[in-house]
């Protein structure tokens, strides 16, 4: 985005066309009118951004957060170079002078010696100036570093000795300064460079400036899986592709479908629009549906984020991670688990009409789109359409969902649906959903969160229990009561005979009647619907009736 007017227009257009949007990310044009000769300026270029404070405030009122790019380079033609050179915070040459690289793509520039604490402190002051006017997150680019001559010297060693750890220390400096000055806020640090352990500094890495091509899309799942297994749970891609190529509606659709089932959804590209509003109506309709579904699934996705923090679990997982005893799963490299319960098969070939899928053994699997039930341990060829990608849910899963909202500012769980995919085995099924205020740093450490625990248990032949209970201290402004809907998928209309909630008979109706405790069979979606108002106390629902 090159100007305030352009950026404001795109945010407005996204919302007018009913796409959810939570953030706008500004590249290097925020501090200049060219990619050459401006890097390291770190001040708004007022001819194109006449009132950034108002723009940021207006976006925030719409639920849209502003994120700015920075790079660790300062060109020698800028005032910031003179300041940094005088402070001695730049990497040096063999004579002890600030090293100016004359072969740097963006101009003659020096690299901040991030290993010096005073360099991190100076860099942080530039960040804080923008945070004071409302900037809420940061995009760190070129932090490999992108151009790092071997004869460049840092306080911690030569360029070759410290190259791979540079980005990690950049995250460390940003995180520690942020924690000191904003102890109750969470840091969003989008960065493409790092090292083992960078996740502890709140880094959200992506897979780099990938090709806008089918080959670029095909490269993403291996990257996501390997980075996830390496301890970086929020790995994601420039959805739609970044570089070169042409505007391709089918490629964009397939990429966005996959990205909606990834840790971060972030369309981004160069030279060709990456926002869904600029594609044809068919693409917009499909992508809008997937984006809205992602927002509805936020309780599930947010729980995965909490599990990554609590236990180190990856969000994107190879099949063998969940099914280590299934030897076939080790050979499947074109499918992945999105958390414990959802299996995703991205479509990465142009014009694809059929896809062979493998469903791991030991479980039955429901087609997410039509609820058809399949046995595990088998491969199956299915037909493919443009509107969907193959997604399956493991039998026995509880999937939490909320009504659609267009920004996480409007996220709430006072109306909460749990889709239960009926397990026809005798297994006990449990699920724990995590939630907190979504804003405050350190809620896990302080205990300011809520766990909602669901369990389905077989009591006897024809008798089952569904229990709801809450654990944890809770958090400020959490719902005191919730309208809970449990959708039971996988039973036919004649299965449930009666339901009792804590000794009170639930009312069976033909369809929803707004009675507090009721259940009915939805003839359209072919699933049982249980509605109840829940106050957070232990609640048990007994189901009686033969399961066919």
Foldseek 3Di string as FASTA:
>chain_A
DQALVVQVVVVVLCVVLPFFAQEDEDEPNQQHNDLAPGAPQLHGPCVRYVDVLVSQVVCVVVNYAYEYEHEQKDAPVHPVNVVCQVVLQWWAAPVSHFDFDCPDPRHGITGGQLVDLVSLVVVLVSVVVVVVSGHAAYEYECQLVVDFDQRTAHPVGTCVVCSQARVLSNLVSNQVVCCVVPVWFDYDYEYAGHDQPSVVSNYQHEPPQFALDLVSLVPFLVVQAVVLVSLRQNYYYQQNGADDDDDDLLSNLLSLQVLLLGLDRHHYYPPDDRDQSPDDPVSNVLSSVSSQVSQQQVLVSVQQVVCCVVPVHHQKHQPCVQVVPQVVSVVDRQWTDRPNWKIFGGDRDPPDFKDKDAFAAPWWKAFPPQRDIGHHPDIDMDTDDSNHGTMITTALDWRKTDHGDSHCVPDAQLEIEIEHEHGPDQDKHKDKTKDAPVTTPPCVVVQAIKIWMWIWHDPDAQKIKIKIAMDTPYYPPHDQKHWYKYKYGDFAQQFFDWKAKPNHTADEDCDDDPDAFYWHADPVSRIIITIHMGRRHMMMMMTGGHGD
